[in-house]
Amino acid sequence: MKRALGAAAVMASAVAALAVTQAEALPAAPVPVSVKANSPGVSPGTGHAPIYNDEGLISCQKGSLCTSVWDPARKKWRVDRFERCDTYDLSYWEGSGAYINNQTGGVKGVFTRTDGTTLKVAADNKGHAINWSPFAKIKPC
């Protein structure tokens, strides 16, 4: 009997030596990190201050190409109006949005993807849904 208890005590001692608490075995919980949302941008500026609203793109002034993209920092839609025939670089344009091409004379807008391919958009004064994520540039003419 003493021998059985002795073996059990040795076994219990070995198990206790090998046992590790959960706190010792697992890494510390990650420290919460605040991720700053980036606002979409256009460079150079369009000459018009962007409009921020809850509705998105509703209409577009004659002679313009208008866009909307979600701004996660403001939690509002950013609406831009392009009139000058320039190439505009887009930064942080991600996810869904819309465009209306209300330019005169049948001028097509050109959206350039990051891979260099383009989407030409007709001047039909109609709202169109778009995923902005693959696009890097806008040229309204």
N, C-alpha and C. Protein backbone atom coordinates (compact mmCIF):
# COMPACT_ATOMS: atom_id res chain seq x y z
N MET A 1 0.82 -1.18 0.00
CA MET A 1 0.00 0.00 0.00
C MET A 1 0.87 1.26 0.00
N LYS A 2 1.92 1.24 0.83
CA LYS A 2 2.81 2.39 0.86
C LYS A 2 3.44 2.61 -0.51
N ARG A 3 3.75 1.50 -1.15
CA ARG A 3 4.38 1.61 -2.46
C ARG A 3 3.40 2.24 -3.47
N ALA A 4 2.12 1.87 -3.43
CA ALA A 4 1.12 2.42 -4.33
C ALA A 4 0.95 3.90 -4.08
N LEU A 5 0.91 4.31 -2.83
CA LEU A 5 0.78 5.73 -2.51
C LEU A 5 2.03 6.48 -2.94
N GLY A 6 3.17 5.86 -2.79
CA GLY A 6 4.41 6.50 -3.19
C GLY A 6 4.45 6.75 -4.69
N ALA A 7 4.00 5.78 -5.47
CA ALA A 7 3.98 5.92 -6.93
C ALA A 7 2.97 7.00 -7.33
N ALA A 8 1.83 7.02 -6.65
CA ALA A 8 0.81 8.03 -6.95
C ALA A 8 1.33 9.42 -6.62
N ALA A 9 2.05 9.54 -5.53
CA ALA A 9 2.60 10.83 -5.13
C ALA A 9 3.64 11.31 -6.13
N VAL A 10 4.47 10.38 -6.61
CA VAL A 10 5.48 10.73 -7.61
C VAL A 10 4.80 11.18 -8.89
N MET A 11 3.76 10.43 -9.31
CA MET A 11 3.02 10.77 -10.53
C MET A 11 2.35 12.14 -10.39
N ALA A 12 1.73 12.40 -9.26
CA ALA A 12 1.07 13.68 -9.03
C ALA A 12 2.08 14.81 -9.04
N SER A 13 3.24 14.56 -8.48
CA SER A 13 4.28 15.58 -8.46
C SER A 13 4.77 15.88 -9.88
N ALA A 14 4.89 14.83 -10.71
CA ALA A 14 5.34 15.03 -12.09
C ALA A 14 4.30 15.79 -12.89
N VAL A 15 3.03 15.44 -12.70
CA VAL A 15 1.95 16.14 -13.41
C VAL A 15 1.92 17.60 -12.99
N ALA A 16 2.07 17.86 -11.72
CA ALA A 16 2.06 19.24 -11.23
C ALA A 16 3.23 20.02 -11.80
N ALA A 17 4.36 19.37 -11.95
CA ALA A 17 5.54 20.06 -12.49
C ALA A 17 5.34 20.41 -13.96
N LEU A 18 4.62 19.54 -14.68
CA LEU A 18 4.40 19.78 -16.10
C LEU A 18 3.22 20.71 -16.36
N ALA A 19 2.35 20.80 -15.39
CA ALA A 19 1.15 21.62 -15.59
C ALA A 19 1.53 23.10 -15.69
N VAL A 20 0.93 23.77 -16.65
CA VAL A 20 1.18 25.19 -16.85
C VAL A 20 -0.17 25.88 -16.84
N THR A 21 -0.25 26.98 -16.18
CA THR A 21 -1.53 27.68 -16.15
C THR A 21 -1.81 28.30 -17.51
N GLN A 22 -3.07 28.56 -17.77
CA GLN A 22 -3.47 29.16 -19.05
C GLN A 22 -2.78 30.50 -19.25
N ALA A 23 -2.65 31.26 -18.20
CA ALA A 23 -2.02 32.58 -18.31
C ALA A 23 -0.56 32.46 -18.73
N GLU A 24 0.11 31.38 -18.30
CA GLU A 24 1.50 31.19 -18.69
C GLU A 24 1.63 30.65 -20.11
N ALA A 25 0.64 29.85 -20.54
CA ALA A 25 0.73 29.18 -21.84
C ALA A 25 0.33 30.08 -23.01
N LEU A 26 -0.59 30.99 -22.79
CA LEU A 26 -1.10 31.81 -23.88
C LEU A 26 -0.42 33.18 -23.90
N PRO A 27 -0.27 33.75 -25.07
CA PRO A 27 0.27 35.11 -25.12
C PRO A 27 -0.73 36.09 -24.52
N ALA A 28 -0.23 37.21 -24.16
CA ALA A 28 -1.09 38.25 -23.59
C ALA A 28 -2.12 38.67 -24.63
N ALA A 29 -3.28 39.08 -24.16
CA ALA A 29 -4.33 39.56 -25.06
C ALA A 29 -3.81 40.78 -25.81
N PRO A 30 -4.18 40.89 -27.09
CA PRO A 30 -3.70 42.05 -27.85
C PRO A 30 -4.25 43.35 -27.28
N VAL A 31 -3.43 44.35 -27.37
CA VAL A 31 -3.84 45.68 -26.93
C VAL A 31 -4.72 46.27 -28.03
N PRO A 32 -5.90 46.79 -27.69
CA PRO A 32 -6.75 47.38 -28.73
C PRO A 32 -6.00 48.49 -29.48
N VAL A 33 -6.11 48.44 -30.78
CA VAL A 33 -5.46 49.43 -31.63
C VAL A 33 -6.54 50.23 -32.34
N SER A 34 -6.41 51.50 -32.34
CA SER A 34 -7.35 52.36 -33.05
C SER A 34 -6.89 52.49 -34.49
N VAL A 35 -7.75 52.09 -35.42
CA VAL A 35 -7.42 52.21 -36.83
C VAL A 35 -8.11 53.46 -37.37
N LYS A 36 -7.30 54.37 -37.88
CA LYS A 36 -7.84 55.62 -38.39
C LYS A 36 -8.35 55.40 -39.81
N ALA A 37 -9.60 55.75 -40.04
CA ALA A 37 -10.17 55.65 -41.38
C ALA A 37 -9.64 56.80 -42.23
N ASN A 38 -9.32 56.49 -43.47
CA ASN A 38 -8.82 57.50 -44.39
C ASN A 38 -9.95 58.05 -45.24
N SER A 39 -10.01 59.35 -45.35
CA SER A 39 -11.01 59.99 -46.20
C SER A 39 -10.57 59.92 -47.65
N PRO A 40 -11.51 59.69 -48.57
CA PRO A 40 -11.17 59.71 -49.99
C PRO A 40 -10.69 61.10 -50.40
N GLY A 41 -9.78 61.15 -51.36
CA GLY A 41 -9.27 62.43 -51.83
C GLY A 41 -9.15 62.47 -53.34
N VAL A 42 -9.02 63.68 -53.88
CA VAL A 42 -8.85 63.94 -55.31
C VAL A 42 -7.71 64.93 -55.47
N SER A 43 -6.77 64.62 -56.39
CA SER A 43 -5.65 65.53 -56.63
C SER A 43 -5.36 65.59 -58.13
N PRO A 44 -5.23 66.78 -58.69
CA PRO A 44 -5.43 68.09 -58.06
C PRO A 44 -6.90 68.29 -57.72
N GLY A 45 -7.17 69.33 -56.96
CA GLY A 45 -8.55 69.63 -56.61
C GLY A 45 -9.38 69.94 -57.85
N THR A 46 -10.68 69.74 -57.73
CA THR A 46 -11.57 69.94 -58.87
C THR A 46 -11.96 71.40 -59.08
N GLY A 47 -11.65 72.25 -58.12
CA GLY A 47 -12.09 73.64 -58.19
C GLY A 47 -13.41 73.85 -57.46
N HIS A 48 -14.00 72.75 -56.99
CA HIS A 48 -15.24 72.80 -56.21
C HIS A 48 -15.02 72.02 -54.93
N ALA A 49 -15.44 72.58 -53.82
CA ALA A 49 -15.33 71.85 -52.56
C ALA A 49 -16.27 70.65 -52.61
N PRO A 50 -15.81 69.48 -52.13
CA PRO A 50 -16.72 68.34 -52.11
C PRO A 50 -17.89 68.61 -51.18
N ILE A 51 -19.01 68.00 -51.48
CA ILE A 51 -20.20 68.09 -50.64
C ILE A 51 -20.30 66.78 -49.87
N TYR A 52 -20.60 66.84 -48.58
CA TYR A 52 -20.77 65.66 -47.76
C TYR A 52 -22.23 65.58 -47.34
N ASN A 53 -22.85 64.42 -47.57
CA ASN A 53 -24.26 64.27 -47.19
C ASN A 53 -24.58 62.81 -46.89
N ASP A 54 -25.82 62.58 -46.45
CA ASP A 54 -26.28 61.23 -46.13
C ASP A 54 -26.92 60.54 -47.32
N GLU A 55 -27.25 61.28 -48.36
CA GLU A 55 -28.00 60.73 -49.49
C GLU A 55 -27.12 60.24 -50.62
N GLY A 56 -25.93 60.75 -50.76
CA GLY A 56 -25.08 60.39 -51.89
C GLY A 56 -25.36 61.28 -53.08
N LEU A 57 -25.15 60.74 -54.26
CA LEU A 57 -25.28 61.51 -55.50
C LEU A 57 -26.74 61.51 -55.94
N ILE A 58 -27.32 62.70 -56.06
CA ILE A 58 -28.73 62.83 -56.44
C ILE A 58 -28.85 63.40 -57.85
N SER A 59 -28.07 64.41 -58.15
CA SER A 59 -28.12 65.04 -59.48
C SER A 59 -26.74 65.60 -59.78
N CYS A 60 -26.59 66.07 -61.03
CA CYS A 60 -25.30 66.61 -61.46
C CYS A 60 -25.56 67.81 -62.36
N GLN A 61 -24.87 68.91 -62.05
CA GLN A 61 -25.02 70.14 -62.82
C GLN A 61 -24.63 69.92 -64.28
N LYS A 62 -25.35 70.55 -65.18
CA LYS A 62 -25.06 70.45 -66.61
C LYS A 62 -23.62 70.87 -66.88
N GLY A 63 -22.94 70.10 -67.73
CA GLY A 63 -21.54 70.38 -68.06
C GLY A 63 -20.55 69.71 -67.12
N SER A 64 -21.04 68.84 -66.21
CA SER A 64 -20.17 68.23 -65.20
C SER A 64 -20.25 66.71 -65.22
N LEU A 65 -19.21 66.10 -64.68
CA LEU A 65 -19.19 64.69 -64.33
C LEU A 65 -19.16 64.65 -62.81
N CYS A 66 -20.13 64.01 -62.20
CA CYS A 66 -20.24 64.00 -60.74
C CYS A 66 -20.08 62.58 -60.20
N THR A 67 -19.50 62.47 -59.02
CA THR A 67 -19.24 61.18 -58.40
C THR A 67 -19.62 61.22 -56.92
N SER A 68 -19.89 60.04 -56.39
CA SER A 68 -20.04 59.91 -54.93
C SER A 68 -19.26 58.69 -54.47
N VAL A 69 -18.62 58.83 -53.33
CA VAL A 69 -17.86 57.75 -52.71
C VAL A 69 -18.06 57.88 -51.20
N TRP A 70 -18.13 56.76 -50.50
CA TRP A 70 -18.33 56.77 -49.05
C TRP A 70 -17.05 57.22 -48.36
N ASP A 71 -17.21 58.15 -47.40
CA ASP A 71 -16.09 58.61 -46.59
C ASP A 71 -16.23 57.99 -45.20
N PRO A 72 -15.44 56.96 -44.88
CA PRO A 72 -15.60 56.28 -43.60
C PRO A 72 -15.19 57.14 -42.40
N ALA A 73 -14.34 58.12 -42.60
CA ALA A 73 -13.92 58.99 -41.50
C ALA A 73 -15.06 59.92 -41.08
N ARG A 74 -15.81 60.42 -42.05
CA ARG A 74 -16.92 61.33 -41.77
C ARG A 74 -18.25 60.61 -41.63
N LYS A 75 -18.29 59.35 -42.10
CA LYS A 75 -19.52 58.57 -42.14
C LYS A 75 -20.59 59.29 -42.96
N LYS A 76 -20.15 59.82 -44.09
CA LYS A 76 -21.02 60.54 -45.04
C LYS A 76 -20.54 60.22 -46.45
N TRP A 77 -21.41 60.49 -47.42
CA TRP A 77 -21.03 60.39 -48.82
C TRP A 77 -20.27 61.64 -49.21
N ARG A 78 -19.21 61.46 -49.95
CA ARG A 78 -18.46 62.58 -50.52
C ARG A 78 -18.90 62.70 -51.98
N VAL A 79 -19.39 63.87 -52.37
CA VAL A 79 -19.85 64.12 -53.73
C VAL A 79 -18.91 65.15 -54.36
N ASP A 80 -18.31 64.77 -55.51
CA ASP A 80 -17.40 65.65 -56.24
C ASP A 80 -17.98 65.97 -57.60
N ARG A 81 -17.63 67.18 -58.08
CA ARG A 81 -18.05 67.63 -59.41
C ARG A 81 -16.80 67.96 -60.22
N PHE A 82 -16.64 67.29 -61.35
CA PHE A 82 -15.49 67.48 -62.24
C PHE A 82 -15.95 68.22 -63.49
N GLU A 83 -15.24 69.30 -63.83
CA GLU A 83 -15.56 70.08 -65.03
C GLU A 83 -14.34 70.27 -65.93
N ARG A 84 -13.19 70.58 -65.33
CA ARG A 84 -11.98 70.81 -66.12
C ARG A 84 -11.47 69.50 -66.72
N CYS A 85 -10.95 69.58 -67.93
CA CYS A 85 -10.42 68.39 -68.61
C CYS A 85 -9.00 68.13 -68.11
N ASP A 86 -8.91 67.60 -66.91
CA ASP A 86 -7.64 67.22 -66.29
C ASP A 86 -7.72 65.74 -65.92
N THR A 87 -6.58 65.18 -65.58
CA THR A 87 -6.55 63.84 -65.00
C THR A 87 -6.42 64.00 -63.50
N TYR A 88 -7.34 63.39 -62.77
CA TYR A 88 -7.40 63.51 -61.32
C TYR A 88 -7.03 62.17 -60.68
N ASP A 89 -6.09 62.20 -59.74
CA ASP A 89 -5.71 61.00 -59.00
C ASP A 89 -6.68 60.81 -57.84
N LEU A 90 -7.11 59.58 -57.65
CA LEU A 90 -8.02 59.24 -56.56
C LEU A 90 -7.24 58.55 -55.45
N SER A 91 -7.48 58.95 -54.22
CA SER A 91 -6.85 58.27 -53.09
C SER A 91 -7.94 57.81 -52.12
N TYR A 92 -7.81 56.58 -51.67
CA TYR A 92 -8.74 55.97 -50.71
C TYR A 92 -10.18 55.92 -51.21
N TRP A 93 -10.37 55.76 -52.50
CA TRP A 93 -11.71 55.56 -53.05
C TRP A 93 -11.96 54.06 -53.02
N GLU A 94 -12.74 53.62 -52.06
CA GLU A 94 -12.98 52.20 -51.85
C GLU A 94 -14.48 51.92 -51.80
N GLY A 95 -14.86 50.79 -52.36
CA GLY A 95 -16.23 50.32 -52.24
C GLY A 95 -17.19 50.99 -53.21
N SER A 96 -18.45 50.86 -52.88
CA SER A 96 -19.50 51.29 -53.80
C SER A 96 -19.68 52.80 -53.81
N GLY A 97 -20.22 53.27 -54.91
CA GLY A 97 -20.52 54.68 -55.09
C GLY A 97 -21.37 54.85 -56.33
N ALA A 98 -21.32 56.04 -56.90
CA ALA A 98 -22.13 56.32 -58.09
C ALA A 98 -21.47 57.43 -58.90
N TYR A 99 -21.94 57.55 -60.15
CA TYR A 99 -21.52 58.67 -60.99
C TYR A 99 -22.67 59.06 -61.90
N ILE A 100 -22.65 60.32 -62.30
CA ILE A 100 -23.55 60.86 -63.32
C ILE A 100 -22.69 61.69 -64.26
N ASN A 101 -22.76 61.39 -65.55
CA ASN A 101 -22.04 62.19 -66.54
C ASN A 101 -23.08 63.07 -67.24
N ASN A 102 -23.09 64.36 -66.88
CA ASN A 102 -24.02 65.32 -67.47
C ASN A 102 -23.25 66.36 -68.29
N GLN A 103 -22.18 65.92 -68.93
CA GLN A 103 -21.42 66.83 -69.79
C GLN A 103 -22.15 67.02 -71.12
N THR A 104 -21.87 68.11 -71.75
CA THR A 104 -22.55 68.42 -73.02
C THR A 104 -21.72 67.95 -74.20
N GLY A 105 -22.36 67.83 -75.34
CA GLY A 105 -21.66 67.46 -76.57
C GLY A 105 -21.25 65.99 -76.63
N GLY A 106 -21.83 65.15 -75.79
CA GLY A 106 -21.51 63.72 -75.82
C GLY A 106 -20.14 63.37 -75.29
N VAL A 107 -19.56 64.24 -74.48
CA VAL A 107 -18.22 63.99 -73.93
C VAL A 107 -18.26 62.78 -73.00
N LYS A 108 -17.34 61.84 -73.22
CA LYS A 108 -17.24 60.66 -72.37
C LYS A 108 -16.21 60.89 -71.28
N GLY A 109 -16.57 60.49 -70.07
CA GLY A 109 -15.60 60.49 -68.98
C GLY A 109 -14.80 59.21 -69.03
N VAL A 110 -13.58 59.25 -68.52
CA VAL A 110 -12.71 58.07 -68.52
C VAL A 110 -12.26 57.79 -67.09
N PHE A 111 -12.56 56.59 -66.61
CA PHE A 111 -12.10 56.13 -65.30
C PHE A 111 -10.99 55.11 -65.56
N THR A 112 -9.82 55.33 -64.97
CA THR A 112 -8.68 54.45 -65.19
C THR A 112 -8.44 53.59 -63.95
N ARG A 113 -8.37 52.28 -64.18
CA ARG A 113 -8.11 51.32 -63.09
C ARG A 113 -6.61 51.30 -62.76
N THR A 114 -6.31 50.70 -61.62
CA THR A 114 -4.90 50.61 -61.20
C THR A 114 -4.07 49.78 -62.17
N ASP A 115 -4.70 48.88 -62.94
CA ASP A 115 -3.96 48.08 -63.92
C ASP A 115 -3.83 48.78 -65.27
N GLY A 116 -4.34 50.02 -65.37
CA GLY A 116 -4.21 50.80 -66.59
C GLY A 116 -5.37 50.69 -67.56
N THR A 117 -6.27 49.73 -67.36
CA THR A 117 -7.44 49.62 -68.23
C THR A 117 -8.42 50.73 -67.89
N THR A 118 -9.30 51.04 -68.85
CA THR A 118 -10.20 52.18 -68.66
C THR A 118 -11.66 51.78 -68.82
N LEU A 119 -12.50 52.58 -68.23
CA LEU A 119 -13.95 52.51 -68.40
C LEU A 119 -14.38 53.87 -68.92
N LYS A 120 -14.99 53.90 -70.10
CA LYS A 120 -15.49 55.16 -70.67
C LYS A 120 -16.97 55.25 -70.36
N VAL A 121 -17.38 56.41 -69.83
CA VAL A 121 -18.77 56.58 -69.39
C VAL A 121 -19.45 57.65 -70.23
N ALA A 122 -20.58 57.28 -70.80
CA ALA A 122 -21.33 58.16 -71.69
C ALA A 122 -21.99 59.29 -70.93
N ALA A 123 -22.19 60.40 -71.63
CA ALA A 123 -22.88 61.56 -71.06
C ALA A 123 -24.38 61.36 -71.24
N ASP A 124 -24.99 60.61 -70.31
CA ASP A 124 -26.42 60.31 -70.42
C ASP A 124 -27.25 60.92 -69.29
N ASN A 125 -26.61 61.66 -68.38
CA ASN A 125 -27.29 62.31 -67.26
C ASN A 125 -28.13 61.32 -66.45
N LYS A 126 -27.61 60.11 -66.26
CA LYS A 126 -28.28 59.08 -65.45
C LYS A 126 -27.33 58.62 -64.36
N GLY A 127 -27.90 58.25 -63.23
CA GLY A 127 -27.10 57.72 -62.14
C GLY A 127 -26.69 56.28 -62.41
N HIS A 128 -25.42 55.99 -62.16
CA HIS A 128 -24.88 54.64 -62.35
C HIS A 128 -24.13 54.22 -61.09
N ALA A 129 -24.39 53.00 -60.62
CA ALA A 129 -23.64 52.46 -59.49
C ALA A 129 -22.27 52.01 -59.98
N ILE A 130 -21.29 52.10 -59.09
CA ILE A 130 -19.92 51.71 -59.45
C ILE A 130 -19.19 51.25 -58.20
N ASN A 131 -18.26 50.31 -58.37
CA ASN A 131 -17.33 49.92 -57.31
C ASN A 131 -16.04 50.69 -57.58
N TRP A 132 -15.70 51.62 -56.70
CA TRP A 132 -14.54 52.49 -56.92
C TRP A 132 -13.21 51.80 -56.62
N SER A 133 -13.22 50.68 -55.93
CA SER A 133 -11.97 50.07 -55.45
C SER A 133 -10.90 49.88 -56.52
N PRO A 134 -11.23 49.43 -57.75
CA PRO A 134 -10.15 49.24 -58.72
C PRO A 134 -9.68 50.50 -59.43
N PHE A 135 -10.32 51.64 -59.18
CA PHE A 135 -10.02 52.84 -59.97
C PHE A 135 -9.01 53.74 -59.27
N ALA A 136 -8.11 54.32 -60.08
CA ALA A 136 -7.05 55.18 -59.56
C ALA A 136 -7.13 56.60 -60.09
N LYS A 137 -7.81 56.80 -61.24
CA LYS A 137 -7.85 58.13 -61.88
C LYS A 137 -9.21 58.38 -62.53
N ILE A 138 -9.54 59.67 -62.63
CA ILE A 138 -10.71 60.13 -63.38
C ILE A 138 -10.26 61.23 -64.33
N LYS A 139 -10.72 61.14 -65.56
CA LYS A 139 -10.53 62.22 -66.53
C LYS A 139 -11.92 62.47 -67.12
N PRO A 140 -12.50 63.63 -66.85
CA PRO A 140 -13.88 63.85 -67.27
C PRO A 140 -14.07 64.05 -68.77
N CYS A 141 -12.99 64.08 -69.55
CA CYS A 141 -13.14 64.34 -70.99
C CYS A 141 -12.36 63.34 -71.82
